[in-house]
Amino acid sequence: MYVVLSLGGSLINTENGIDHKFLDEVKKILDKSSHSFGIVTGGGTAARVYAQKARQINGNEFEADEAAIKATKENAKHAIDAFGKLAYSRVLENFDDARNAASASKIIVMGGTIPGITTDSDAALLAEALHAKRLVNISNVNGIYDSNPSKNPNAKKYDKLSYDELIKLASTSDSRKAGENFVFDILACKLVSRSRIETHFVSGKNLDDLKNAIEGKEHGGTVVKE
């Protein structure tokens, strides 16, 4: 069975450079799992920097998206290098290539695909393409909150949500601009809803939660399902 991971770019490429220790820990978890994996890497800080530079040049969101996608693919390459022989050897450019490569390797890795589509949505589409039962969103936040926990100390974290509740929360946060943070973009929410893909939200800083989410076990993050 396939599990798809939406892996936040800020966990890969930090302010101090590539977090090789984190990627090595993820590799150990994936290697021990009986599942196969499709991974979509985000752009993180690099995507926000690239996108802003593109806006400063011509003020166009299409170019900002293209610049952010470049950052996601750079992070995908870092992940492939870290996973070694477990992973397919190149960054996959589209979902047909991903499906074809999935049978050849335990792990396949993609970055972003087209302007206007976030890596959240790419991960949801990859989950559909691979008939994955589960999608795990891995970020710096330990779940879904009713408001930004970094700005609101009284923000409420949800342990469980329905698909409709997830869509309602995302609809208040999705600006559709490259490099901006929101819960899980509205298109991604609707995609996991239409295919009823069990979706987990955990922090990459808690490896036990990550491991349990991958296996569909209880964890300290947020689960979205029927």
N, C-alpha and C. Protein backbone atom coordinates (compact mmCIF):
# COMPACT_ATOMS: atom_id res chain seq x y z
N MET A 1 0.83 -1.19 0.00
CA MET A 1 0.00 0.00 0.00
C MET A 1 0.87 1.25 0.00
N TYR A 2 0.43 2.25 -0.74
CA TYR A 2 1.18 3.51 -0.80
C TYR A 2 0.72 4.48 0.28
N VAL A 3 1.68 5.17 0.83
CA VAL A 3 1.44 6.32 1.69
C VAL A 3 2.14 7.50 1.04
N VAL A 4 1.43 8.61 0.94
CA VAL A 4 2.02 9.82 0.36
C VAL A 4 2.37 10.80 1.48
N LEU A 5 3.56 11.37 1.37
CA LEU A 5 4.03 12.36 2.34
C LEU A 5 4.13 13.72 1.66
N SER A 6 3.53 14.71 2.27
CA SER A 6 3.72 16.10 1.86
C SER A 6 4.74 16.67 2.84
N LEU A 7 5.97 16.79 2.39
CA LEU A 7 7.09 17.10 3.28
C LEU A 7 7.48 18.58 3.18
N GLY A 8 7.26 19.30 4.26
CA GLY A 8 7.51 20.73 4.27
C GLY A 8 8.95 21.08 3.93
N GLY A 9 9.10 22.06 3.05
CA GLY A 9 10.44 22.45 2.61
C GLY A 9 11.29 23.03 3.73
N SER A 10 10.67 23.68 4.70
CA SER A 10 11.43 24.28 5.80
C SER A 10 12.06 23.23 6.70
N LEU A 11 11.57 22.00 6.63
CA LEU A 11 12.18 20.91 7.40
C LEU A 11 13.43 20.38 6.71
N ILE A 12 13.48 20.55 5.40
CA ILE A 12 14.62 20.07 4.62
C ILE A 12 15.72 21.11 4.57
N ASN A 13 15.33 22.31 4.13
CA ASN A 13 16.29 23.39 3.93
C ASN A 13 16.02 24.48 4.96
N THR A 14 16.76 24.45 6.05
CA THR A 14 16.54 25.37 7.16
C THR A 14 17.41 26.62 7.00
N GLU A 15 17.30 27.52 7.97
CA GLU A 15 18.13 28.72 7.95
C GLU A 15 19.61 28.38 8.08
N ASN A 16 19.88 27.20 8.61
CA ASN A 16 21.27 26.74 8.78
C ASN A 16 21.72 25.79 7.68
N GLY A 17 20.93 25.68 6.62
CA GLY A 17 21.29 24.80 5.52
C GLY A 17 20.47 23.52 5.53
N ILE A 18 20.88 22.54 4.75
CA ILE A 18 20.15 21.27 4.64
C ILE A 18 20.24 20.51 5.96
N ASP A 19 19.08 20.06 6.45
CA ASP A 19 19.02 19.32 7.71
C ASP A 19 19.22 17.83 7.40
N HIS A 20 20.47 17.44 7.28
CA HIS A 20 20.79 16.06 6.94
C HIS A 20 20.36 15.09 8.04
N LYS A 21 20.44 15.52 9.28
CA LYS A 21 20.04 14.65 10.39
C LYS A 21 18.55 14.31 10.29
N PHE A 22 17.72 15.32 10.02
CA PHE A 22 16.28 15.07 9.88
C PHE A 22 16.00 14.12 8.73
N LEU A 23 16.62 14.36 7.58
CA LEU A 23 16.38 13.49 6.42
C LEU A 23 16.85 12.07 6.70
N ASP A 24 17.91 11.92 7.45
CA ASP A 24 18.40 10.58 7.79
C ASP A 24 17.41 9.87 8.70
N GLU A 25 16.80 10.61 9.63
CA GLU A 25 15.80 10.00 10.52
C GLU A 25 14.56 9.59 9.74
N VAL A 26 14.15 10.41 8.79
CA VAL A 26 13.01 10.05 7.94
C VAL A 26 13.34 8.81 7.12
N LYS A 27 14.54 8.75 6.60
CA LYS A 27 14.96 7.57 5.83
C LYS A 27 14.84 6.31 6.67
N LYS A 28 15.26 6.35 7.92
CA LYS A 28 15.18 5.17 8.80
C LYS A 28 13.74 4.73 8.99
N ILE A 29 12.85 5.71 9.18
CA ILE A 29 11.43 5.39 9.38
C ILE A 29 10.85 4.74 8.14
N LEU A 30 11.14 5.30 6.98
CA LEU A 30 10.59 4.77 5.73
C LEU A 30 11.16 3.41 5.40
N ASP A 31 12.43 3.22 5.69
CA ASP A 31 13.09 1.95 5.40
C ASP A 31 12.47 0.81 6.21
N LYS A 32 12.08 1.10 7.45
CA LYS A 32 11.51 0.06 8.33
C LYS A 32 10.04 -0.21 8.04
N SER A 33 9.38 0.69 7.35
CA SER A 33 7.96 0.53 7.07
C SER A 33 7.74 -0.48 5.95
N SER A 34 6.61 -1.15 6.00
CA SER A 34 6.25 -2.10 4.94
C SER A 34 5.62 -1.40 3.74
N HIS A 35 5.33 -0.12 3.86
CA HIS A 35 4.68 0.63 2.79
C HIS A 35 5.67 1.12 1.75
N SER A 36 5.14 1.49 0.60
CA SER A 36 5.89 2.25 -0.39
C SER A 36 5.45 3.70 -0.29
N PHE A 37 6.28 4.62 -0.78
CA PHE A 37 6.01 6.03 -0.51
C PHE A 37 6.13 6.91 -1.75
N GLY A 38 5.18 7.83 -1.86
CA GLY A 38 5.28 8.94 -2.78
C GLY A 38 5.48 10.18 -1.95
N ILE A 39 6.48 10.97 -2.26
CA ILE A 39 6.79 12.15 -1.48
C ILE A 39 6.76 13.39 -2.37
N VAL A 40 6.11 14.43 -1.87
CA VAL A 40 6.14 15.73 -2.53
C VAL A 40 6.77 16.72 -1.56
N THR A 41 7.84 17.37 -1.99
CA THR A 41 8.55 18.31 -1.13
C THR A 41 8.10 19.74 -1.37
N GLY A 42 7.94 20.47 -0.29
CA GLY A 42 7.59 21.88 -0.39
C GLY A 42 8.83 22.73 -0.62
N GLY A 43 8.60 24.02 -0.74
CA GLY A 43 9.70 24.93 -1.00
C GLY A 43 10.25 25.62 0.23
N GLY A 44 9.40 25.79 1.26
CA GLY A 44 9.85 26.40 2.50
C GLY A 44 10.33 27.83 2.33
N THR A 45 11.31 28.19 3.13
CA THR A 45 11.85 29.55 3.11
C THR A 45 12.40 29.93 1.73
N ALA A 46 13.07 28.98 1.09
CA ALA A 46 13.65 29.26 -0.23
C ALA A 46 12.56 29.65 -1.22
N ALA A 47 11.42 28.97 -1.16
CA ALA A 47 10.32 29.29 -2.08
C ALA A 47 9.81 30.71 -1.85
N ARG A 48 9.71 31.09 -0.59
CA ARG A 48 9.23 32.44 -0.28
C ARG A 48 10.22 33.50 -0.78
N VAL A 49 11.51 33.22 -0.62
CA VAL A 49 12.53 34.16 -1.09
C VAL A 49 12.51 34.24 -2.62
N TYR A 50 12.48 33.08 -3.28
CA TYR A 50 12.47 33.05 -4.75
C TYR A 50 11.23 33.77 -5.29
N ALA A 51 10.07 33.49 -4.67
CA ALA A 51 8.82 34.09 -5.14
C ALA A 51 8.84 35.60 -4.98
N GLN A 52 9.35 36.08 -3.85
CA GLN A 52 9.39 37.52 -3.62
C GLN A 52 10.32 38.22 -4.61
N LYS A 53 11.45 37.59 -4.90
CA LYS A 53 12.37 38.17 -5.89
C LYS A 53 11.70 38.26 -7.26
N ALA A 54 10.95 37.22 -7.61
CA ALA A 54 10.25 37.22 -8.90
C ALA A 54 9.21 38.34 -8.94
N ARG A 55 8.50 38.55 -7.83
CA ARG A 55 7.52 39.63 -7.78
C ARG A 55 8.18 41.00 -7.93
N GLN A 56 9.34 41.14 -7.33
CA GLN A 56 10.04 42.43 -7.39
C GLN A 56 10.49 42.76 -8.80
N ILE A 57 10.75 41.72 -9.58
CA ILE A 57 11.20 41.93 -10.95
C ILE A 57 10.06 42.36 -11.86
N ASN A 58 8.90 41.66 -11.75
CA ASN A 58 7.81 42.00 -12.67
C ASN A 58 6.41 41.99 -12.02
N GLY A 59 6.35 41.67 -10.74
CA GLY A 59 5.07 41.72 -10.04
C GLY A 59 4.05 40.71 -10.49
N ASN A 60 4.48 39.65 -11.15
CA ASN A 60 3.55 38.67 -11.71
C ASN A 60 3.53 37.40 -10.85
N GLU A 61 2.33 36.95 -10.45
CA GLU A 61 2.21 35.77 -9.59
C GLU A 61 2.56 34.48 -10.32
N PHE A 62 2.39 34.46 -11.63
CA PHE A 62 2.77 33.27 -12.40
C PHE A 62 4.27 33.03 -12.27
N GLU A 63 5.07 34.09 -12.47
CA GLU A 63 6.51 33.96 -12.33
C GLU A 63 6.91 33.65 -10.88
N ALA A 64 6.16 34.19 -9.93
CA ALA A 64 6.42 33.88 -8.53
C ALA A 64 6.21 32.40 -8.26
N ASP A 65 5.15 31.85 -8.82
CA ASP A 65 4.89 30.41 -8.68
C ASP A 65 6.00 29.58 -9.32
N GLU A 66 6.42 29.99 -10.51
CA GLU A 66 7.49 29.25 -11.19
C GLU A 66 8.77 29.26 -10.36
N ALA A 67 9.08 30.39 -9.77
CA ALA A 67 10.27 30.49 -8.93
C ALA A 67 10.16 29.60 -7.71
N ALA A 68 8.97 29.57 -7.10
CA ALA A 68 8.76 28.73 -5.92
C ALA A 68 8.87 27.25 -6.28
N ILE A 69 8.37 26.87 -7.44
CA ILE A 69 8.46 25.48 -7.89
C ILE A 69 9.92 25.05 -8.01
N LYS A 70 10.77 25.96 -8.49
CA LYS A 70 12.20 25.65 -8.57
C LYS A 70 12.75 25.26 -7.21
N ALA A 71 12.34 25.98 -6.17
CA ALA A 71 12.80 25.67 -4.81
C ALA A 71 12.30 24.29 -4.36
N THR A 72 11.07 23.94 -4.70
CA THR A 72 10.55 22.63 -4.30
C THR A 72 11.34 21.50 -4.95
N LYS A 73 11.75 21.70 -6.19
CA LYS A 73 12.51 20.66 -6.90
C LYS A 73 13.93 20.54 -6.35
N GLU A 74 14.50 21.65 -5.92
CA GLU A 74 15.80 21.60 -5.27
C GLU A 74 15.71 20.78 -3.98
N ASN A 75 14.63 20.99 -3.22
CA ASN A 75 14.45 20.22 -2.00
C ASN A 75 14.19 18.74 -2.28
N ALA A 76 13.49 18.48 -3.38
CA ALA A 76 13.25 17.08 -3.77
C ALA A 76 14.57 16.37 -4.06
N LYS A 77 15.47 17.08 -4.72
CA LYS A 77 16.78 16.50 -5.02
C LYS A 77 17.56 16.22 -3.74
N HIS A 78 17.48 17.12 -2.76
CA HIS A 78 18.15 16.89 -1.48
C HIS A 78 17.58 15.63 -0.80
N ALA A 79 16.27 15.46 -0.89
CA ALA A 79 15.64 14.28 -0.28
C ALA A 79 16.10 13.00 -0.97
N ILE A 80 16.14 13.01 -2.29
CA ILE A 80 16.59 11.83 -3.04
C ILE A 80 18.02 11.47 -2.66
N ASP A 81 18.87 12.47 -2.59
CA ASP A 81 20.27 12.22 -2.21
C ASP A 81 20.35 11.59 -0.83
N ALA A 82 19.50 12.06 0.09
CA ALA A 82 19.52 11.53 1.46
C ALA A 82 18.99 10.10 1.53
N PHE A 83 17.98 9.79 0.74
CA PHE A 83 17.35 8.47 0.81
C PHE A 83 18.14 7.40 0.06
N GLY A 84 19.07 7.81 -0.77
CA GLY A 84 19.96 6.87 -1.43
C GLY A 84 19.24 5.84 -2.28
N LYS A 85 19.61 4.58 -2.13
CA LYS A 85 19.09 3.51 -2.97
C LYS A 85 17.61 3.22 -2.75
N LEU A 86 17.05 3.72 -1.65
CA LEU A 86 15.62 3.52 -1.40
C LEU A 86 14.77 4.30 -2.41
N ALA A 87 15.33 5.38 -2.94
CA ALA A 87 14.55 6.30 -3.77
C ALA A 87 14.87 6.18 -5.25
N TYR A 88 13.86 6.47 -6.06
CA TYR A 88 14.07 6.60 -7.50
C TYR A 88 15.07 7.71 -7.73
N SER A 89 15.92 7.59 -8.73
CA SER A 89 17.13 8.40 -8.82
C SER A 89 16.93 9.84 -9.28
N ARG A 90 15.75 10.21 -9.75
CA ARG A 90 15.56 11.59 -10.21
C ARG A 90 14.24 12.16 -9.72
N VAL A 91 14.18 13.48 -9.72
CA VAL A 91 12.96 14.18 -9.36
C VAL A 91 11.94 14.00 -10.47
N LEU A 92 10.76 13.51 -10.12
CA LEU A 92 9.74 13.23 -11.12
C LEU A 92 8.95 14.50 -11.43
N GLU A 93 8.67 14.71 -12.70
CA GLU A 93 8.10 15.97 -13.16
C GLU A 93 6.57 15.98 -13.24
N ASN A 94 5.96 14.79 -13.36
CA ASN A 94 4.51 14.75 -13.49
C ASN A 94 3.97 13.44 -12.92
N PHE A 95 2.67 13.32 -12.87
CA PHE A 95 2.04 12.18 -12.19
C PHE A 95 2.13 10.89 -12.99
N ASP A 96 2.14 10.98 -14.32
CA ASP A 96 2.32 9.77 -15.13
C ASP A 96 3.71 9.18 -14.88
N ASP A 97 4.72 10.04 -14.87
CA ASP A 97 6.07 9.56 -14.57
C ASP A 97 6.13 8.95 -13.17
N ALA A 98 5.43 9.56 -12.24
CA ALA A 98 5.43 9.06 -10.86
C ALA A 98 4.81 7.67 -10.79
N ARG A 99 3.70 7.47 -11.46
CA ARG A 99 3.07 6.15 -11.44
C ARG A 99 3.96 5.09 -12.09
N ASN A 100 4.63 5.47 -13.17
CA ASN A 100 5.51 4.51 -13.85
C ASN A 100 6.72 4.16 -13.00
N ALA A 101 7.23 5.15 -12.27
CA ALA A 101 8.43 4.92 -11.46
C ALA A 101 8.12 4.22 -10.14
N ALA A 102 6.86 4.29 -9.71
CA ALA A 102 6.50 3.77 -8.39
C ALA A 102 6.78 2.29 -8.24
N SER A 103 6.66 1.54 -9.34
CA SER A 103 6.88 0.10 -9.26
C SER A 103 8.36 -0.26 -9.18
N ALA A 104 9.23 0.71 -9.45
CA ALA A 104 10.67 0.44 -9.51
C ALA A 104 11.41 0.77 -8.23
N SER A 105 10.79 1.55 -7.34
CA SER A 105 11.49 1.99 -6.13
C SER A 105 10.53 2.07 -4.95
N LYS A 106 11.07 1.92 -3.77
CA LYS A 106 10.26 2.03 -2.55
C LYS A 106 9.77 3.47 -2.35
N ILE A 107 10.59 4.44 -2.79
CA ILE A 107 10.28 5.85 -2.60
C ILE A 107 10.41 6.59 -3.92
N ILE A 108 9.39 7.38 -4.27
CA ILE A 108 9.50 8.29 -5.39
C ILE A 108 9.31 9.71 -4.85
N VAL A 109 9.97 10.68 -5.48
CA VAL A 109 9.94 12.04 -4.96
C VAL A 109 9.63 13.04 -6.08
N MET A 110 8.73 13.96 -5.78
CA MET A 110 8.37 15.04 -6.69
C MET A 110 8.51 16.37 -5.96
N GLY A 111 8.68 17.44 -6.75
CA GLY A 111 8.52 18.79 -6.22
C GLY A 111 7.18 19.30 -6.70
N GLY A 112 7.06 20.62 -6.88
CA GLY A 112 5.83 21.18 -7.42
C GLY A 112 5.70 20.89 -8.90
N THR A 113 4.52 21.15 -9.45
CA THR A 113 4.26 20.82 -10.85
C THR A 113 3.97 22.04 -11.71
N ILE A 114 2.84 22.70 -11.48
CA ILE A 114 2.48 23.83 -12.34
C ILE A 114 2.11 25.05 -11.51
N PRO A 115 2.30 26.25 -12.05
CA PRO A 115 1.92 27.46 -11.33
C PRO A 115 0.45 27.45 -10.94
N GLY A 116 0.17 27.96 -9.74
CA GLY A 116 -1.20 28.00 -9.24
C GLY A 116 -1.59 26.78 -8.43
N ILE A 117 -0.76 25.74 -8.48
CA ILE A 117 -1.02 24.51 -7.72
C ILE A 117 0.06 24.38 -6.65
N THR A 118 -0.33 24.31 -5.41
CA THR A 118 0.64 24.18 -4.33
C THR A 118 1.10 22.73 -4.20
N THR A 119 2.15 22.51 -3.43
CA THR A 119 2.61 21.14 -3.21
C THR A 119 1.63 20.36 -2.32
N ASP A 120 0.77 21.05 -1.57
CA ASP A 120 -0.32 20.36 -0.88
C ASP A 120 -1.21 19.65 -1.89
N SER A 121 -1.62 20.41 -2.91
CA SER A 121 -2.48 19.83 -3.94
C SER A 121 -1.75 18.77 -4.75
N ASP A 122 -0.46 19.00 -5.03
CA ASP A 122 0.33 17.98 -5.73
C ASP A 122 0.35 16.68 -4.93
N ALA A 123 0.49 16.79 -3.61
CA ALA A 123 0.51 15.58 -2.77
C ALA A 123 -0.84 14.87 -2.81
N ALA A 124 -1.92 15.65 -2.78
CA ALA A 124 -3.25 15.04 -2.85
C ALA A 124 -3.48 14.36 -4.20
N LEU A 125 -3.03 15.00 -5.27
CA LEU A 125 -3.16 14.39 -6.60
C LEU A 125 -2.29 13.14 -6.72
N LEU A 126 -1.10 13.19 -6.15
CA LEU A 126 -0.24 12.00 -6.19
C LEU A 126 -0.88 10.86 -5.41
N ALA A 127 -1.51 11.18 -4.29
CA ALA A 127 -2.20 10.16 -3.50
C ALA A 127 -3.31 9.51 -4.32
N GLU A 128 -4.03 10.34 -5.08
CA GLU A 128 -5.07 9.78 -5.95
C GLU A 128 -4.45 8.92 -7.05
N ALA A 129 -3.39 9.41 -7.66
CA ALA A 129 -2.75 8.69 -8.77
C ALA A 129 -2.23 7.33 -8.33
N LEU A 130 -1.71 7.26 -7.11
CA LEU A 130 -1.13 6.01 -6.59
C LEU A 130 -2.15 5.16 -5.85
N HIS A 131 -3.40 5.63 -5.78
CA HIS A 131 -4.44 4.94 -5.01
C HIS A 131 -4.00 4.77 -3.55
N ALA A 132 -3.35 5.80 -3.04
CA ALA A 132 -2.87 5.74 -1.65
C ALA A 132 -4.05 5.83 -0.69
N LYS A 133 -3.95 5.10 0.39
CA LYS A 133 -4.99 5.15 1.40
C LYS A 133 -4.79 6.32 2.35
N ARG A 134 -3.53 6.75 2.47
CA ARG A 134 -3.19 7.71 3.52
C ARG A 134 -2.25 8.78 3.00
N LEU A 135 -2.47 10.02 3.45
CA LEU A 135 -1.58 11.13 3.15
C LEU A 135 -1.14 11.73 4.48
N VAL A 136 0.16 11.97 4.61
CA VAL A 136 0.69 12.57 5.84
C VAL A 136 1.34 13.90 5.50
N ASN A 137 0.81 14.97 6.09
CA ASN A 137 1.36 16.30 5.91
C ASN A 137 2.33 16.58 7.06
N ILE A 138 3.59 16.84 6.71
CA ILE A 138 4.64 17.01 7.71
C ILE A 138 5.16 18.44 7.63
N SER A 139 5.04 19.17 8.74
CA SER A 139 5.45 20.57 8.73
C SER A 139 6.10 20.92 10.06
N ASN A 140 6.22 22.21 10.33
CA ASN A 140 6.75 22.67 11.61
C ASN A 140 5.68 22.80 12.68
N VAL A 141 4.43 22.53 12.30
CA VAL A 141 3.29 22.68 13.21
C VAL A 141 2.75 21.29 13.55
N ASN A 142 2.37 21.09 14.80
CA ASN A 142 1.97 19.76 15.26
C ASN A 142 0.48 19.47 15.09
N GLY A 143 -0.11 19.97 14.02
CA GLY A 143 -1.51 19.70 13.77
C GLY A 143 -2.21 20.90 13.17
N ILE A 144 -3.53 20.83 13.14
CA ILE A 144 -4.34 21.93 12.60
C ILE A 144 -4.98 22.70 13.75
N TYR A 145 -4.88 24.02 13.66
CA TYR A 145 -5.44 24.90 14.68
C TYR A 145 -6.54 25.78 14.09
N ASP A 146 -7.34 26.37 14.97
CA ASP A 146 -8.39 27.26 14.49
C ASP A 146 -7.85 28.64 14.13
N SER A 147 -6.59 28.91 14.50
CA SER A 147 -5.91 30.14 14.11
C SER A 147 -4.41 29.87 14.20
N ASN A 148 -3.62 30.82 13.76
CA ASN A 148 -2.17 30.62 13.72
C ASN A 148 -1.59 30.53 15.13
N PRO A 149 -1.08 29.37 15.55
CA PRO A 149 -0.59 29.22 16.91
C PRO A 149 0.66 30.06 17.22
N SER A 150 1.39 30.45 16.17
CA SER A 150 2.57 31.29 16.40
C SER A 150 2.19 32.73 16.72
N LYS A 151 0.96 33.10 16.37
CA LYS A 151 0.48 34.46 16.64
C LYS A 151 -0.57 34.50 17.74
N ASN A 152 -1.25 33.39 17.94
CA ASN A 152 -2.32 33.34 18.94
C ASN A 152 -2.03 32.23 19.95
N PRO A 153 -1.57 32.58 21.17
CA PRO A 153 -1.24 31.57 22.17
C PRO A 153 -2.45 30.77 22.64
N ASN A 154 -3.64 31.26 22.32
CA ASN A 154 -4.86 30.57 22.73
C ASN A 154 -5.49 29.78 21.58
N ALA A 155 -4.74 29.60 20.51
CA ALA A 155 -5.25 28.85 19.36
C ALA A 155 -5.60 27.42 19.78
N LYS A 156 -6.71 26.94 19.26
CA LYS A 156 -7.19 25.59 19.60
C LYS A 156 -6.72 24.58 18.56
N LYS A 157 -6.11 23.50 19.04
CA LYS A 157 -5.69 22.43 18.12
C LYS A 157 -6.78 21.38 18.04
N TYR A 158 -6.99 20.88 16.84
CA TYR A 158 -7.98 19.83 16.62
C TYR A 158 -7.29 18.47 16.57
N ASP A 159 -7.84 17.50 17.29
CA ASP A 159 -7.33 16.13 17.22
C ASP A 159 -7.90 15.40 16.01
N LYS A 160 -9.17 15.68 15.73
CA LYS A 160 -9.84 15.05 14.60
C LYS A 160 -10.73 16.07 13.89
N LEU A 161 -10.83 15.93 12.58
CA LEU A 161 -11.70 16.78 11.78
C LEU A 161 -12.38 15.94 10.71
N SER A 162 -13.55 16.38 10.29
CA SER A 162 -14.18 15.80 9.11
C SER A 162 -13.63 16.53 7.88
N TYR A 163 -13.89 15.98 6.71
CA TYR A 163 -13.44 16.64 5.48
C TYR A 163 -14.08 18.02 5.33
N ASP A 164 -15.37 18.11 5.64
CA ASP A 164 -16.05 19.40 5.52
C ASP A 164 -15.47 20.43 6.48
N GLU A 165 -15.14 20.01 7.68
CA GLU A 165 -14.54 20.93 8.65
C GLU A 165 -13.18 21.42 8.18
N LEU A 166 -12.40 20.51 7.58
CA LEU A 166 -11.09 20.89 7.04
C LEU A 166 -11.24 21.92 5.93
N ILE A 167 -12.17 21.70 5.03
CA ILE A 167 -12.41 22.63 3.93
C ILE A 167 -12.81 24.00 4.45
N LYS A 168 -13.67 24.02 5.46
CA LYS A 168 -14.12 25.30 6.03
C LYS A 168 -12.96 26.07 6.63
N LEU A 169 -12.06 25.38 7.35
CA LEU A 169 -10.90 26.04 7.94
C LEU A 169 -9.96 26.57 6.87
N ALA A 170 -9.69 25.77 5.86
CA ALA A 170 -8.76 26.18 4.82
C ALA A 170 -9.29 27.34 4.00
N SER A 171 -10.60 27.41 3.84
CA SER A 171 -11.19 28.46 3.00
C SER A 171 -10.96 29.85 3.57
N THR A 172 -10.66 29.96 4.85
CA THR A 172 -10.41 31.26 5.46
C THR A 172 -8.94 31.66 5.37
N SER A 173 -8.08 30.75 4.91
CA SER A 173 -6.63 30.99 4.95
C SER A 173 -5.94 30.97 3.60
N ASP A 174 -6.62 30.47 2.57
CA ASP A 174 -5.96 30.22 1.29
C ASP A 174 -5.94 31.47 0.42
N SER A 175 -4.78 32.14 0.35
CA SER A 175 -4.65 33.35 -0.46
C SER A 175 -4.23 33.06 -1.89
N ARG A 176 -3.80 31.80 -2.15
CA ARG A 176 -3.33 31.36 -3.47
C ARG A 176 -2.07 32.07 -3.93
N LYS A 177 -1.25 32.57 -3.00
CA LYS A 177 0.00 33.21 -3.37
C LYS A 177 1.18 32.31 -2.99
N ALA A 178 2.17 32.23 -3.90
CA ALA A 178 3.32 31.35 -3.69
C ALA A 178 4.07 31.72 -2.43
N GLY A 179 4.45 30.70 -1.65
CA GLY A 179 5.31 30.90 -0.50
C GLY A 179 4.60 31.35 0.75
N GLU A 180 3.26 31.44 0.74
CA GLU A 180 2.55 31.84 1.93
C GLU A 180 2.04 30.61 2.68
N ASN A 181 1.94 30.76 3.98
CA ASN A 181 1.56 29.62 4.83
C ASN A 181 0.06 29.61 5.10
N PHE A 182 -0.56 28.45 5.00
CA PHE A 182 -1.93 28.26 5.44
C PHE A 182 -2.09 26.80 5.84
N VAL A 183 -3.22 26.48 6.39
CA VAL A 183 -3.42 25.15 6.97
C VAL A 183 -3.11 24.05 5.96
N PHE A 184 -3.86 24.03 4.88
CA PHE A 184 -3.74 23.04 3.81
C PHE A 184 -4.60 23.61 2.72
N ASP A 185 -4.06 23.90 1.57
CA ASP A 185 -4.79 24.75 0.65
C ASP A 185 -6.14 24.15 0.23
N ILE A 186 -7.04 25.02 -0.16
CA ILE A 186 -8.44 24.64 -0.36
C ILE A 186 -8.60 23.56 -1.43
N LEU A 187 -7.81 23.62 -2.49
CA LEU A 187 -7.90 22.59 -3.52
C LEU A 187 -7.47 21.24 -2.97
N ALA A 188 -6.38 21.22 -2.22
CA ALA A 188 -5.92 19.97 -1.62
C ALA A 188 -6.99 19.38 -0.70
N CYS A 189 -7.64 20.24 0.06
CA CYS A 189 -8.70 19.78 0.96
C CYS A 189 -9.84 19.13 0.18
N LYS A 190 -10.21 19.74 -0.94
CA LYS A 190 -11.31 19.19 -1.72
C LYS A 190 -10.90 17.89 -2.42
N LEU A 191 -9.63 17.79 -2.78
CA LEU A 191 -9.15 16.56 -3.41
C LEU A 191 -9.17 15.38 -2.44
N VAL A 192 -8.65 15.59 -1.22
CA VAL A 192 -8.66 14.48 -0.27
C VAL A 192 -10.09 14.15 0.14
N SER A 193 -10.96 15.16 0.13
CA SER A 193 -12.36 14.92 0.46
C SER A 193 -13.05 14.08 -0.59
N ARG A 194 -12.84 14.42 -1.88
CA ARG A 194 -13.56 13.70 -2.93
C ARG A 194 -13.14 12.24 -3.00
N SER A 195 -11.87 11.95 -2.65
CA SER A 195 -11.40 10.57 -2.70
C SER A 195 -11.35 9.91 -1.33
N ARG A 196 -11.79 10.67 -0.31
CA ARG A 196 -11.83 10.14 1.06
C ARG A 196 -10.47 9.56 1.46
N ILE A 197 -9.44 10.37 1.24
CA ILE A 197 -8.08 9.97 1.61
C ILE A 197 -7.84 10.37 3.06
N GLU A 198 -7.57 9.40 3.89
CA GLU A 198 -7.27 9.67 5.30
C GLU A 198 -6.02 10.56 5.36
N THR A 199 -6.13 11.72 6.01
CA THR A 199 -5.05 12.70 5.98
C THR A 199 -4.61 13.05 7.40
N HIS A 200 -3.30 12.96 7.62
CA HIS A 200 -2.72 13.20 8.95
C HIS A 200 -1.83 14.44 8.89
N PHE A 201 -1.88 15.24 9.94
CA PHE A 201 -1.05 16.43 10.06
C PHE A 201 -0.19 16.31 11.31
N VAL A 202 1.13 16.27 11.12
CA VAL A 202 2.05 16.11 12.24
C VAL A 202 3.26 17.02 12.07
N SER A 203 3.98 17.20 13.16
CA SER A 203 5.21 17.97 13.12
C SER A 203 6.39 17.07 12.79
N GLY A 204 7.28 17.57 11.93
CA GLY A 204 8.49 16.81 11.62
C GLY A 204 9.45 16.77 12.79
N LYS A 205 9.17 17.58 13.81
CA LYS A 205 10.04 17.61 14.98
C LYS A 205 9.70 16.48 15.96
N ASN A 206 8.57 15.81 15.73
CA ASN A 206 8.17 14.70 16.58
C ASN A 206 8.18 13.43 15.74
N LEU A 207 9.28 12.70 15.80
CA LEU A 207 9.45 11.53 14.93
C LEU A 207 8.52 10.39 15.31
N ASP A 208 8.15 10.30 16.58
CA ASP A 208 7.19 9.26 16.99
C ASP A 208 5.83 9.52 16.36
N ASP A 209 5.40 10.78 16.37
CA ASP A 209 4.13 11.12 15.72
C ASP A 209 4.19 10.83 14.23
N LEU A 210 5.31 11.16 13.62
CA LEU A 210 5.48 10.91 12.19
C LEU A 210 5.38 9.42 11.89
N LYS A 211 6.08 8.63 12.66
CA LYS A 211 6.06 7.18 12.47
C LYS A 211 4.64 6.62 12.63
N ASN A 212 3.94 7.06 13.67
CA ASN A 212 2.58 6.56 13.92
C ASN A 212 1.61 7.01 12.84
N ALA A 213 1.76 8.24 12.36
CA ALA A 213 0.88 8.74 11.30
C ALA A 213 1.05 7.91 10.02
N ILE A 214 2.28 7.60 9.69
CA ILE A 214 2.56 6.79 8.50
C ILE A 214 1.86 5.44 8.59
N GLU A 215 1.85 4.88 9.79
CA GLU A 215 1.25 3.55 9.97
C GLU A 215 -0.24 3.61 10.30
N GLY A 216 -0.80 4.83 10.36
CA GLY A 216 -2.22 4.96 10.65
C GLY A 216 -2.57 4.75 12.11
N LYS A 217 -1.60 4.94 12.98
CA LYS A 217 -1.83 4.77 14.42
C LYS A 217 -2.08 6.12 15.07
N GLU A 218 -2.50 6.08 16.33
CA GLU A 218 -2.79 7.32 17.06
C GLU A 218 -1.52 8.14 17.26
N HIS A 219 -1.68 9.46 17.22
CA HIS A 219 -0.54 10.36 17.40
C HIS A 219 -1.05 11.69 17.95
N GLY A 220 -0.14 12.60 18.21
CA GLY A 220 -0.49 13.87 18.82
C GLY A 220 -0.87 14.97 17.86
N GLY A 221 -0.97 14.65 16.58
CA GLY A 221 -1.33 15.64 15.58
C GLY A 221 -2.82 15.69 15.32
N THR A 222 -3.20 15.89 14.07
CA THR A 222 -4.61 15.96 13.66
C THR A 222 -4.88 14.93 12.58
N VAL A 223 -6.02 14.27 12.68
CA VAL A 223 -6.43 13.28 11.68
C VAL A 223 -7.71 13.76 11.03
N VAL A 224 -7.75 13.70 9.70
CA VAL A 224 -8.96 14.04 8.95
C VAL A 224 -9.43 12.78 8.24
N LYS A 225 -10.65 12.37 8.56
CA LYS A 225 -11.21 11.18 7.93
C LYS A 225 -12.72 11.16 8.14
N GLU A 226 -13.36 10.10 7.65
CA GLU A 226 -14.80 9.97 7.81
C GLU A 226 -15.19 10.02 9.29
